[in-house]
Amino acid sequence: MHPRNRHLSRYDFNQLVKACPELATHVFMNKFGDESIDFANPESVKLLNKAILKDFYKIDWWDIPPNYLCPPIPGRADYLHYVADLIPKGKSILALDVGVGANCVYPLIGQYEYGWKFIGSDIDQGALASAQNILDHNPHLKGVIELRLQSSVDQIFRGILRPDELIDFSLCNPPFHASAEDAMAGTNRKLKNLGLKKSVLNFGGKANELWCQGGEKAFVKKMINESAAISSQCLWFTTLISSKENLFDLERELKRVNAFEVKKIEMSQGQKVSRILAWTFHNKEQQSTWAKKRWI
C-alpha cells in the first residue's frame, strides 16, 4: 500500500466498534486467532465501511441502499494517495469522480485527506440520491462535493463538464466485467481465495457498476477518446485497471490520440493487484503553467 495510507496495519476492531457499535455482533475470532468479520456477508462489509469512514475520515453518517457497490476502503484510499503524487497539494484542486456511486467514497476520503473539491457523476439517479443523502447528513461537506447526473449511457465526460470548466484530475473505477456472468465468476474466485463458497456479490454492485458491453477495456477506450476532446480542461485523466492484459491496447489507444505523457502505477492490497493508468495531453511547460495558475 501507499505509505500515506491510513490502513497499513490490521483493523483495530475494538476501535472500530466504538465508532460503530452495530459492528460488534459481526466480529468473531477466525481460525488464525485474529478478530475478523465475514467478508462474504454484505451487511458485515457495509458496517465495517461505516466504522472505518467514521473513525478515520470523520464521516458521522454513512449508508447505502441494498445491492449497491460497497467498496473496500483501503484500496480506494490507495488510489487517491497515488493520484495525489501526480499533483501538488492545494485546497483549490477540483477533481471529477466518474461513477461516484451510491457510496461517494472517493470524494469523502479525498476531501478529508487533501481538502480537494469534487464533482461526482453517475448515470444512476438512485446512486446519486444515496450519495446526496450522505452529504446532507454530513454538513461539513456542504459546498465541496457536487453531484451531477450523466443522462447518456453512451457518454462519460460529455454532458458533465461545462464549457471551459477546468478540473485538475479525473478518477474512475470502471465496470470491470463484460457481463453479469463474468462478474459472478470473479466474485466466486475472490470467495474461493478467502476459503468461502457463498455465491453472492459480497461488495454488492448494480449492473452499471460491475459490467458493461465490452468490459473494462471498451469502457476505458471510450474514456480515452472522450478525454482527447476535452484535453485542455483536465490536467491528468486517471482510471483503475483491473486486468493487466488490457494495458497494451489501452496504451496504443493513448498513443493514437496523442497523449503527451502516460503513467502506469501498480497497487496491491493483500492478494489483489491492480494498477492506475494516468495520462495527460499537457507538455511539461503547459503543466508548469497550469500549476502556477491553479495552485500557486
C-alpha atoms as a PDB file:
ATOM      1  CA  MET A   1       0.000   0.000   0.000  1.00  0.00           C
ATOM      2  CA  HIS A   2       0.944   3.636  -0.396  1.00  0.00           C
ATOM      3  CA  PRO A   3       2.992   4.828   2.619  1.00  0.00           C
ATOM      4  CA  ARG A   4       0.422   7.553   3.410  1.00  0.00           C
ATOM      5  CA  ASN A   5      -2.438   5.056   3.506  1.00  0.00           C
ATOM      6  CA  ARG A   6      -4.021   5.011   6.979  1.00  0.00           C
ATOM      7  CA  HIS A   7      -4.771   1.294   6.638  1.00  0.00           C
ATOM      8  CA  LEU A   8      -1.280  -0.185   6.544  1.00  0.00           C
ATOM      9  CA  SER A   9      -1.858  -2.224   9.696  1.00  0.00           C
ATOM     10  CA  ARG A  10      -4.576  -4.699  10.684  1.00  0.00           C
ATOM     11  CA  TYR A  11      -8.016  -3.451  11.566  1.00  0.00           C
ATOM     12  CA  ASP A  12      -8.369  -2.442  15.220  1.00  0.00           C
ATOM     13  CA  PHE A  13     -11.836  -3.862  15.783  1.00  0.00           C
ATOM     14  CA  ASN A  14     -12.067  -2.513  19.339  1.00  0.00           C
ATOM     15  CA  GLN A  15     -11.655   0.989  17.979  1.00  0.00           C
ATOM     16  CA  LEU A  16     -13.957   0.354  15.015  1.00  0.00           C
ATOM     17  CA  VAL A  17     -16.717  -0.999  17.246  1.00  0.00           C
ATOM     18  CA  LYS A  18     -16.505   2.195  19.318  1.00  0.00           C
ATOM     19  CA  ALA A  19     -17.125   4.135  16.102  1.00  0.00           C
ATOM     20  CA  CYS A  20     -19.943   1.826  15.002  1.00  0.00           C
ATOM     21  CA  PRO A  21     -21.421  -0.291  17.843  1.00  0.00           C
ATOM     22  CA  GLU A  22     -23.577  -2.226  15.329  1.00  0.00           C
ATOM     23  CA  LEU A  23     -20.399  -3.843  14.048  1.00  0.00           C
ATOM     24  CA  ALA A  24     -19.831  -5.686  17.341  1.00  0.00           C
ATOM     25  CA  THR A  25     -22.151  -8.606  16.557  1.00  0.00           C
ATOM     26  CA  HIS A  26     -20.362  -9.201  13.232  1.00  0.00           C
ATOM     27  CA  VAL A  27     -16.870  -9.537  14.715  1.00  0.00           C
ATOM     28  CA  PHE A  28     -15.535 -13.013  15.525  1.00  0.00           C
ATOM     29  CA  MET A  29     -12.229 -14.791  16.096  1.00  0.00           C
ATOM     30  CA  ASN A  30     -11.050 -16.521  12.915  1.00  0.00           C
ATOM     31  CA  LYS A  31      -9.056 -19.750  12.653  1.00  0.00           C
ATOM     32  CA  PHE A  32      -5.795 -17.807  12.893  1.00  0.00           C
ATOM     33  CA  GLY A  33      -6.774 -16.320  16.238  1.00  0.00           C
ATOM     34  CA  ASP A  34      -7.406 -12.847  14.813  1.00  0.00           C
ATOM     35  CA  GLU A  35     -10.536 -10.741  15.058  1.00  0.00           C
ATOM     36  CA  SER A  36     -12.316 -10.502  11.723  1.00  0.00           C
ATOM     37  CA  ILE A  37     -15.697 -10.318  10.008  1.00  0.00           C
ATOM     38  CA  ASP A  38     -17.401 -12.466   7.381  1.00  0.00           C
ATOM     39  CA  PHE A  39     -16.277 -10.712   4.196  1.00  0.00           C
ATOM     40  CA  ALA A  40     -18.879 -12.713   2.263  1.00  0.00           C
ATOM     41  CA  ASN A  41     -21.660 -11.009   4.234  1.00  0.00           C
ATOM     42  CA  PRO A  42     -22.763  -7.722   2.594  1.00  0.00           C
ATOM     43  CA  GLU A  43     -24.117  -6.326   5.876  1.00  0.00           C
ATOM     44  CA  SER A  44     -20.835  -7.041   7.689  1.00  0.00           C
ATOM     45  CA  VAL A  45     -18.843  -5.316   4.947  1.00  0.00           C
ATOM     46  CA  LYS A  46     -21.168  -2.299   4.976  1.00  0.00           C
ATOM     47  CA  LEU A  47     -20.874  -1.885   8.744  1.00  0.00           C
ATOM     48  CA  LEU A  48     -17.098  -2.222   8.528  1.00  0.00           C
ATOM     49  CA  ASN A  49     -17.034   0.587   5.969  1.00  0.00           C
ATOM     50  CA  LYS A  50     -19.330   2.695   8.128  1.00  0.00           C
ATOM     51  CA  ALA A  51     -16.970   2.258  11.082  1.00  0.00           C
ATOM     52  CA  ILE A  52     -13.838   2.997   9.025  1.00  0.00           C
ATOM     53  CA  LEU A  53     -15.315   6.140   7.488  1.00  0.00           C
ATOM     54  CA  LYS A  54     -16.338   7.472  10.904  1.00  0.00           C
ATOM     55  CA  ASP A  55     -13.156   6.510  12.749  1.00  0.00           C
ATOM     56  CA  PHE A  56     -10.598   7.513  10.109  1.00  0.00           C
ATOM     57  CA  TYR A  57     -12.366  10.128   7.982  1.00  0.00           C
ATOM     58  CA  LYS A  58     -14.856  11.773  10.404  1.00  0.00           C
ATOM     59  CA  ILE A  59     -17.928  10.856   8.371  1.00  0.00           C
ATOM     60  CA  ASP A  60     -20.635  10.942  11.047  1.00  0.00           C
ATOM     61  CA  TRP A  61     -23.314   9.223   8.960  1.00  0.00           C
ATOM     62  CA  TRP A  62     -22.936   6.846   6.028  1.00  0.00           C
ATOM     63  CA  ASP A  63     -25.191   4.240   4.470  1.00  0.00           C
ATOM     64  CA  ILE A  64     -26.073   2.801   1.055  1.00  0.00           C
ATOM     65  CA  PRO A  65     -29.233   1.106  -0.249  1.00  0.00           C
ATOM     66  CA  PRO A  66     -29.258  -2.688  -0.776  1.00  0.00           C
ATOM     67  CA  ASN A  67     -27.465  -4.049  -3.846  1.00  0.00           C
ATOM     68  CA  TYR A  68     -25.254  -1.023  -4.453  1.00  0.00           C
ATOM     69  CA  LEU A  69     -21.464  -1.352  -4.547  1.00  0.00           C
ATOM     70  CA  CYS A  70     -19.818  -1.304  -1.110  1.00  0.00           C
ATOM     71  CA  PRO A  71     -16.118  -0.852  -1.912  1.00  0.00           C
ATOM     72  CA  PRO A  72     -13.130  -1.801   0.265  1.00  0.00           C
ATOM     73  CA  ILE A  73     -11.935   1.476   1.798  1.00  0.00           C
ATOM     74  CA  PRO A  74      -8.156   0.744   1.956  1.00  0.00           C
ATOM     75  CA  GLY A  75      -7.949   0.170  -1.798  1.00  0.00           C
ATOM     76  CA  ARG A  76      -9.934   3.304  -2.587  1.00  0.00           C
ATOM     77  CA  ALA A  77      -7.674   5.336  -0.297  1.00  0.00           C
ATOM     78  CA  ASP A  78      -4.619   3.877  -2.039  1.00  0.00           C
ATOM     79  CA  TYR A  79      -5.818   5.130  -5.429  1.00  0.00           C
ATOM     80  CA  LEU A  80      -6.275   8.649  -4.094  1.00  0.00           C
ATOM     81  CA  HIS A  81      -2.853   8.767  -2.474  1.00  0.00           C
ATOM     82  CA  TYR A  82      -1.119   7.689  -5.673  1.00  0.00           C
ATOM     83  CA  VAL A  83      -3.051  10.276  -7.669  1.00  0.00           C
ATOM     84  CA  ALA A  84      -2.023  12.887  -5.097  1.00  0.00           C
ATOM     85  CA  ASP A  85       1.593  12.192  -6.062  1.00  0.00           C
ATOM     86  CA  LEU A  86       0.830  13.475  -9.566  1.00  0.00           C
ATOM     87  CA  ILE A  87      -0.224  16.917  -8.376  1.00  0.00           C
ATOM     88  CA  PRO A  88       0.879  19.445  -5.717  1.00  0.00           C
ATOM     89  CA  LYS A  89      -1.122  19.815  -2.541  1.00  0.00           C
ATOM     90  CA  GLY A  90      -3.709  22.552  -2.513  1.00  0.00           C
ATOM     91  CA  LYS A  91      -7.294  23.214  -1.483  1.00  0.00           C
ATOM     92  CA  SER A  92      -8.087  24.803  -4.842  1.00  0.00           C
ATOM     93  CA  ILE A  93      -7.880  21.406  -6.552  1.00  0.00           C
ATOM     94  CA  LEU A  94     -11.053  20.195  -8.240  1.00  0.00           C
ATOM     95  CA  ALA A  95     -11.480  16.525  -9.209  1.00  0.00           C
ATOM     96  CA  LEU A  96     -14.075  14.600 -11.190  1.00  0.00           C
ATOM     97  CA  ASP A  97     -15.110  11.177  -9.910  1.00  0.00           C
ATOM     98  CA  VAL A  98     -16.586   9.324 -12.890  1.00  0.00           C
ATOM     99  CA  GLY A  99     -19.185   6.941 -11.460  1.00  0.00           C
ATOM    100  CA  VAL A 100     -19.304   8.309  -7.912  1.00  0.00           C
ATOM    101  CA  GLY A 101     -21.793   5.619  -6.937  1.00  0.00           C
ATOM    102  CA  ALA A 102     -24.182   5.412  -4.020  1.00  0.00           C
ATOM    103  CA  ASN A 103     -21.240   5.221  -1.605  1.00  0.00           C
ATOM    104  CA  CYS A 104     -19.490   8.515  -2.561  1.00  0.00           C
ATOM    105  CA  VAL A 105     -16.296   7.049  -1.089  1.00  0.00           C
ATOM    106  CA  TYR A 106     -13.635   8.714  -3.253  1.00  0.00           C
ATOM    107  CA  PRO A 107     -14.862  12.289  -2.570  1.00  0.00           C
ATOM    108  CA  LEU A 108     -15.284  11.555   1.146  1.00  0.00           C
ATOM    109  CA  ILE A 109     -11.710  10.311   1.514  1.00  0.00           C
ATOM    110  CA  GLY A 110     -10.132  12.805  -0.895  1.00  0.00           C
ATOM    111  CA  GLN A 111     -11.784  15.772   0.777  1.00  0.00           C
ATOM    112  CA  TYR A 112     -10.631  14.673   4.235  1.00  0.00           C
ATOM    113  CA  GLU A 113      -7.079  13.766   3.271  1.00  0.00           C
ATOM    114  CA  TYR A 114      -6.255  16.625   0.910  1.00  0.00           C
ATOM    115  CA  GLY A 115      -9.040  19.194   1.088  1.00  0.00           C
ATOM    116  CA  TRP A 116      -9.938  18.575  -2.561  1.00  0.00           C
ATOM    117  CA  LYS A 117     -13.263  19.624  -4.031  1.00  0.00           C
ATOM    118  CA  PHE A 118     -15.138  17.100  -6.152  1.00  0.00           C
ATOM    119  CA  ILE A 119     -17.656  16.715  -8.912  1.00  0.00           C
ATOM    120  CA  GLY A 120     -19.250  13.270  -8.719  1.00  0.00           C
ATOM    121  CA  SER A 121     -21.009  11.973 -11.832  1.00  0.00           C
ATOM    122  CA  ASP A 122     -23.209   8.916 -12.301  1.00  0.00           C
ATOM    123  CA  ILE A 123     -25.815   7.546 -14.723  1.00  0.00           C
ATOM    124  CA  ASP A 124     -27.889   6.100 -11.863  1.00  0.00           C
ATOM    125  CA  GLN A 125     -30.316   8.533 -10.210  1.00  0.00           C
ATOM    126  CA  GLY A 126     -30.712   6.173  -7.262  1.00  0.00           C
ATOM    127  CA  ALA A 127     -26.965   6.183  -6.682  1.00  0.00           C
ATOM    128  CA  LEU A 128     -26.854   9.979  -6.795  1.00  0.00           C
ATOM    129  CA  ALA A 129     -29.785  10.204  -4.379  1.00  0.00           C
ATOM    130  CA  SER A 130     -27.913   7.957  -1.937  1.00  0.00           C
ATOM    131  CA  ALA A 131     -24.696   9.962  -2.310  1.00  0.00           C
ATOM    132  CA  GLN A 132     -26.614  13.205  -1.749  1.00  0.00           C
ATOM    133  CA  ASN A 133     -28.179  11.701   1.369  1.00  0.00           C
ATOM    134  CA  ILE A 134     -24.679  11.045   2.728  1.00  0.00           C
ATOM    135  CA  LEU A 135     -23.661  14.632   2.002  1.00  0.00           C
ATOM    136  CA  ASP A 136     -26.834  16.018   3.595  1.00  0.00           C
ATOM    137  CA  HIS A 137     -26.089  14.065   6.789  1.00  0.00           C
ATOM    138  CA  ASN A 138     -22.552  15.498   6.955  1.00  0.00           C
ATOM    139  CA  PRO A 139     -22.982  19.298   6.893  1.00  0.00           C
ATOM    140  CA  HIS A 140     -19.223  19.953   6.867  1.00  0.00           C
ATOM    141  CA  LEU A 141     -19.198  18.669   3.257  1.00  0.00           C
ATOM    142  CA  LYS A 142     -21.605  21.333   2.005  1.00  0.00           C
ATOM    143  CA  GLY A 143     -20.190  23.165  -0.988  1.00  0.00           C
ATOM    144  CA  VAL A 144     -17.185  20.893  -1.531  1.00  0.00           C
ATOM    145  CA  ILE A 145     -18.817  17.919  -3.316  1.00  0.00           C
ATOM    146  CA  GLU A 146     -21.265  18.466  -6.192  1.00  0.00           C
ATOM    147  CA  LEU A 147     -23.194  15.614  -7.803  1.00  0.00           C
ATOM    148  CA  ARG A 148     -24.210  15.586 -11.471  1.00  0.00           C
ATOM    149  CA  LEU A 149     -26.340  13.163 -13.470  1.00  0.00           C
ATOM    150  CA  GLN A 150     -24.897  11.720 -16.664  1.00  0.00           C
ATOM    151  CA  SER A 151     -28.040  11.475 -18.765  1.00  0.00           C
ATOM    152  CA  SER A 152     -26.461   9.431 -21.584  1.00  0.00           C
ATOM    153  CA  VAL A 153     -25.184   5.886 -21.087  1.00  0.00           C
ATOM    154  CA  ASP A 154     -23.012   6.408 -24.157  1.00  0.00           C
ATOM    155  CA  GLN A 155     -21.056   9.329 -22.714  1.00  0.00           C
ATOM    156  CA  ILE A 156     -18.551   9.788 -19.905  1.00  0.00           C
ATOM    157  CA  PHE A 157     -17.258  13.375 -19.849  1.00  0.00           C
ATOM    158  CA  ARG A 158     -19.679  14.916 -22.348  1.00  0.00           C
ATOM    159  CA  GLY A 159     -22.660  16.429 -20.604  1.00  0.00           C
ATOM    160  CA  ILE A 160     -20.858  16.552 -17.250  1.00  0.00           C
ATOM    161  CA  LEU A 161     -18.123  19.166 -17.616  1.00  0.00           C
ATOM    162  CA  ARG A 162     -19.363  22.608 -18.501  1.00  0.00           C
ATOM    163  CA  PRO A 163     -17.733  24.573 -21.343  1.00  0.00           C
ATOM    164  CA  ASP A 164     -14.387  25.964 -20.176  1.00  0.00           C
ATOM    165  CA  GLU A 165     -14.733  24.275 -16.756  1.00  0.00           C
ATOM    166  CA  LEU A 166     -11.322  23.099 -15.537  1.00  0.00           C
ATOM    167  CA  ILE A 167     -10.599  20.055 -13.395  1.00  0.00           C
ATOM    168  CA  ASP A 168      -7.191  19.066 -12.093  1.00  0.00           C
ATOM    169  CA  PHE A 169      -7.746  15.348 -12.455  1.00  0.00           C
ATOM    170  CA  SER A 170     -10.386  12.721 -13.068  1.00  0.00           C
ATOM    171  CA  LEU A 171     -10.612   9.306 -11.456  1.00  0.00           C
ATOM    172  CA  CYS A 172     -12.708   6.269 -12.235  1.00  0.00           C
ATOM    173  CA  ASN A 173     -13.400   2.761 -11.029  1.00  0.00           C
ATOM    174  CA  PRO A 174     -14.703   1.379 -14.344  1.00  0.00           C
ATOM    175  CA  PRO A 175     -17.072  -1.564 -14.720  1.00  0.00           C
ATOM    176  CA  PHE A 176     -14.557  -4.398 -14.957  1.00  0.00           C
ATOM    177  CA  HIS A 177     -16.718  -7.164 -16.419  1.00  0.00           C
ATOM    178  CA  ALA A 178     -18.344  -7.753 -19.797  1.00  0.00           C
ATOM    179  CA  SER A 179     -21.438  -9.492 -18.378  1.00  0.00           C
ATOM    180  CA  ALA A 180     -23.265 -10.488 -15.198  1.00  0.00           C
ATOM    181  CA  GLU A 181     -21.851 -13.996 -15.577  1.00  0.00           C
ATOM    182  CA  ASP A 182     -18.300 -12.649 -15.667  1.00  0.00           C
ATOM    183  CA  ALA A 183     -18.976 -10.581 -12.539  1.00  0.00           C
ATOM    184  CA  MET A 184     -20.281 -13.596 -10.633  1.00  0.00           C
ATOM    185  CA  ALA A 185     -17.320 -15.716 -11.744  1.00  0.00           C
ATOM    186  CA  GLY A 186     -14.949 -13.033 -10.469  1.00  0.00           C
ATOM    187  CA  THR A 187     -16.731 -12.929  -7.118  1.00  0.00           C
ATOM    188  CA  ASN A 188     -16.590 -16.699  -6.784  1.00  0.00           C
ATOM    189  CA  ARG A 189     -12.829 -16.627  -7.397  1.00  0.00           C
ATOM    190  CA  LYS A 190     -12.457 -13.979  -4.692  1.00  0.00           C
ATOM    191  CA  LEU A 191     -14.523 -16.001  -2.228  1.00  0.00           C
ATOM    192  CA  LYS A 192     -12.525 -19.129  -3.012  1.00  0.00           C
ATOM    193  CA  ASN A 193      -9.342 -17.233  -2.118  1.00  0.00           C
ATOM    194  CA  LEU A 194     -10.997 -16.378   1.199  1.00  0.00           C
ATOM    195  CA  GLY A 195     -11.872 -20.048   1.739  1.00  0.00           C
ATOM    196  CA  LEU A 196     -15.601 -19.375   1.295  1.00  0.00           C
ATOM    197  CA  LYS A 197     -18.194 -20.859  -1.007  1.00  0.00           C
ATOM    198  CA  LYS A 198     -21.102 -18.395  -0.981  1.00  0.00           C
ATOM    199  CA  SER A 199     -22.158 -17.292  -4.454  1.00  0.00           C
ATOM    200  CA  VAL A 200     -23.056 -13.734  -3.530  1.00  0.00           C
ATOM    201  CA  LEU A 201     -21.661 -10.377  -4.520  1.00  0.00           C
ATOM    202  CA  ASN A 202     -20.327  -9.536  -1.078  1.00  0.00           C
ATOM    203  CA  PHE A 203     -19.442  -5.987  -2.077  1.00  0.00           C
ATOM    204  CA  GLY A 204     -22.763  -5.579  -3.892  1.00  0.00           C
ATOM    205  CA  GLY A 205     -22.983  -3.693  -7.131  1.00  0.00           C
ATOM    206  CA  LYS A 206     -25.659  -2.957  -9.701  1.00  0.00           C
ATOM    207  CA  ALA A 207     -25.268  -3.744 -13.395  1.00  0.00           C
ATOM    208  CA  ASN A 208     -23.764  -0.389 -14.425  1.00  0.00           C
ATOM    209  CA  GLU A 209     -21.248  -0.592 -11.570  1.00  0.00           C
ATOM    210  CA  LEU A 210     -19.928  -4.069 -12.361  1.00  0.00           C
ATOM    211  CA  TRP A 211     -20.208  -4.718 -16.086  1.00  0.00           C
ATOM    212  CA  CYS A 212     -20.749  -3.102 -19.471  1.00  0.00           C
ATOM    213  CA  GLN A 213     -20.629  -4.261 -23.069  1.00  0.00           C
ATOM    214  CA  GLY A 214     -17.002  -4.935 -23.919  1.00  0.00           C
ATOM    215  CA  GLY A 215     -15.990  -4.771 -20.262  1.00  0.00           C
ATOM    216  CA  GLU A 216     -13.224  -2.650 -18.799  1.00  0.00           C
ATOM    217  CA  LYS A 217     -11.210  -2.273 -21.989  1.00  0.00           C
ATOM    218  CA  ALA A 218     -14.137  -0.940 -24.027  1.00  0.00           C
ATOM    219  CA  PHE A 219     -15.143   1.490 -21.272  1.00  0.00           C
ATOM    220  CA  VAL A 220     -11.642   2.912 -20.844  1.00  0.00           C
ATOM    221  CA  LYS A 221     -11.156   3.187 -24.620  1.00  0.00           C
ATOM    222  CA  LYS A 222     -14.281   5.332 -24.740  1.00  0.00           C
ATOM    223  CA  MET A 223     -12.908   7.378 -21.862  1.00  0.00           C
ATOM    224  CA  ILE A 224      -9.605   7.888 -23.679  1.00  0.00           C
ATOM    225  CA  ASN A 225     -11.331   9.087 -26.842  1.00  0.00           C
ATOM    226  CA  GLU A 226     -13.563  11.482 -24.949  1.00  0.00           C
ATOM    227  CA  SER A 227     -10.592  12.782 -22.967  1.00  0.00           C
ATOM    228  CA  ALA A 228      -8.884  13.835 -26.196  1.00  0.00           C
ATOM    229  CA  ALA A 229     -11.864  16.068 -26.969  1.00  0.00           C
ATOM    230  CA  ILE A 230     -11.530  17.911 -23.632  1.00  0.00           C
ATOM    231  CA  SER A 231      -7.736  17.715 -23.334  1.00  0.00           C
ATOM    232  CA  SER A 232      -7.414  21.378 -22.340  1.00  0.00           C
ATOM    233  CA  GLN A 233      -9.953  21.073 -19.499  1.00  0.00           C
ATOM    234  CA  CYS A 234      -8.193  18.438 -17.384  1.00  0.00           C
ATOM    235  CA  LEU A 235      -4.555  18.092 -16.380  1.00  0.00           C
ATOM    236  CA  TRP A 236      -4.496  14.360 -15.539  1.00  0.00           C
ATOM    237  CA  PHE A 237      -7.003  11.704 -16.513  1.00  0.00           C
ATOM    238  CA  THR A 238      -6.771   8.542 -14.418  1.00  0.00           C
ATOM    239  CA  THR A 239      -8.581   5.226 -14.091  1.00  0.00           C
ATOM    240  CA  LEU A 240      -8.191   1.931 -12.288  1.00  0.00           C
ATOM    241  CA  ILE A 241      -7.256  -1.024 -14.496  1.00  0.00           C
ATOM    242  CA  SER A 242      -8.076  -4.471 -13.139  1.00  0.00           C
ATOM    243  CA  SER A 243      -6.706  -6.629 -15.953  1.00  0.00           C
ATOM    244  CA  LYS A 244      -3.033  -6.185 -16.819  1.00  0.00           C
ATOM    245  CA  GLU A 245      -3.736  -7.732 -20.224  1.00  0.00           C
ATOM    246  CA  ASN A 246      -5.770  -4.649 -21.190  1.00  0.00           C
ATOM    247  CA  LEU A 247      -2.854  -2.249 -20.829  1.00  0.00           C
ATOM    248  CA  PHE A 248      -1.238  -2.905 -24.226  1.00  0.00           C
ATOM    249  CA  ASP A 249      -4.344  -1.966 -26.220  1.00  0.00           C
ATOM    250  CA  LEU A 250      -5.121   0.988 -23.963  1.00  0.00           C
ATOM    251  CA  GLU A 251      -1.603   2.390 -24.266  1.00  0.00           C
ATOM    252  CA  ARG A 252      -1.845   2.010 -28.019  1.00  0.00           C
ATOM    253  CA  GLU A 253      -5.104   3.963 -27.925  1.00  0.00           C
ATOM    254  CA  LEU A 254      -3.442   6.707 -25.885  1.00  0.00           C
ATOM    255  CA  LYS A 255      -0.657   6.925 -28.438  1.00  0.00           C
ATOM    256  CA  ARG A 256      -3.241   7.191 -31.220  1.00  0.00           C
ATOM    257  CA  VAL A 257      -4.910  10.205 -29.574  1.00  0.00           C
ATOM    258  CA  ASN A 258      -1.510  11.831 -28.940  1.00  0.00           C
ATOM    259  CA  ALA A 259      -1.391  11.775 -25.155  1.00  0.00           C
ATOM    260  CA  PHE A 260       1.823  13.554 -24.152  1.00  0.00           C
ATOM    261  CA  GLU A 261       2.632  11.508 -21.044  1.00  0.00           C
ATOM    262  CA  VAL A 262       1.332   8.163 -19.763  1.00  0.00           C
ATOM    263  CA  LYS A 263       1.966   6.644 -16.327  1.00  0.00           C
ATOM    264  CA  LYS A 264       1.247   3.138 -15.036  1.00  0.00           C
ATOM    265  CA  ILE A 265       1.141   2.812 -11.247  1.00  0.00           C
ATOM    266  CA  GLU A 266       0.847  -0.635  -9.690  1.00  0.00           C
ATOM    267  CA  MET A 267      -1.049  -1.115  -6.441  1.00  0.00           C
ATOM    268  CA  SER A 268      -1.508  -4.176  -4.264  1.00  0.00           C
ATOM    269  CA  GLN A 269      -3.772  -4.818  -1.290  1.00  0.00           C
ATOM    270  CA  GLY A 270      -3.345  -8.333   0.067  1.00  0.00           C
ATOM    271  CA  GLN A 271      -3.884 -10.799  -2.776  1.00  0.00           C
ATOM    272  CA  LYS A 272      -5.434  -8.178  -5.033  1.00  0.00           C
ATOM    273  CA  VAL A 273      -3.179  -6.459  -7.565  1.00  0.00           C
ATOM    274  CA  SER A 274      -4.460  -3.607  -9.715  1.00  0.00           C
ATOM    275  CA  ARG A 275      -2.990  -0.587 -11.402  1.00  0.00           C
ATOM    276  CA  ILE A 276      -3.725   3.040 -12.198  1.00  0.00           C
ATOM    277  CA  LEU A 277      -3.469   4.267 -15.773  1.00  0.00           C
ATOM    278  CA  ALA A 278      -2.884   8.032 -15.908  1.00  0.00           C
ATOM    279  CA  TRP A 279      -2.384  10.301 -18.914  1.00  0.00           C
ATOM    280  CA  THR A 280      -2.124  13.970 -19.791  1.00  0.00           C
ATOM    281  CA  PHE A 281      -2.170  15.937 -23.028  1.00  0.00           C
ATOM    282  CA  HIS A 282      -0.159  18.781 -21.474  1.00  0.00           C
ATOM    283  CA  ASN A 283       3.581  19.041 -22.113  1.00  0.00           C
ATOM    284  CA  LYS A 284       5.958  19.984 -19.297  1.00  0.00           C
ATOM    285  CA  GLU A 285       5.717  23.704 -19.969  1.00  0.00           C
ATOM    286  CA  GLN A 286       1.927  23.547 -20.050  1.00  0.00           C
ATOM    287  CA  GLN A 287       1.898  21.532 -16.830  1.00  0.00           C
ATOM    288  CA  SER A 288       4.025  24.188 -15.167  1.00  0.00           C
ATOM    289  CA  THR A 289       1.742  26.957 -16.415  1.00  0.00           C
ATOM    290  CA  TRP A 290      -1.314  25.055 -15.176  1.00  0.00           C
ATOM    291  CA  ALA A 291       0.251  24.710 -11.714  1.00  0.00           C
ATOM    292  CA  LYS A 292       1.085  28.419 -11.492  1.00  0.00           C
ATOM    293  CA  LYS A 293      -2.435  29.438 -12.489  1.00  0.00           C
ATOM    294  CA  ARG A 294      -4.313  26.860 -10.450  1.00  0.00           C
ATOM    295  CA  TRP A 295      -2.276  26.006  -7.357  1.00  0.00           C
ATOM    296  CA  ILE A 296       0.145  28.818  -6.565  1.00  0.00           C
END
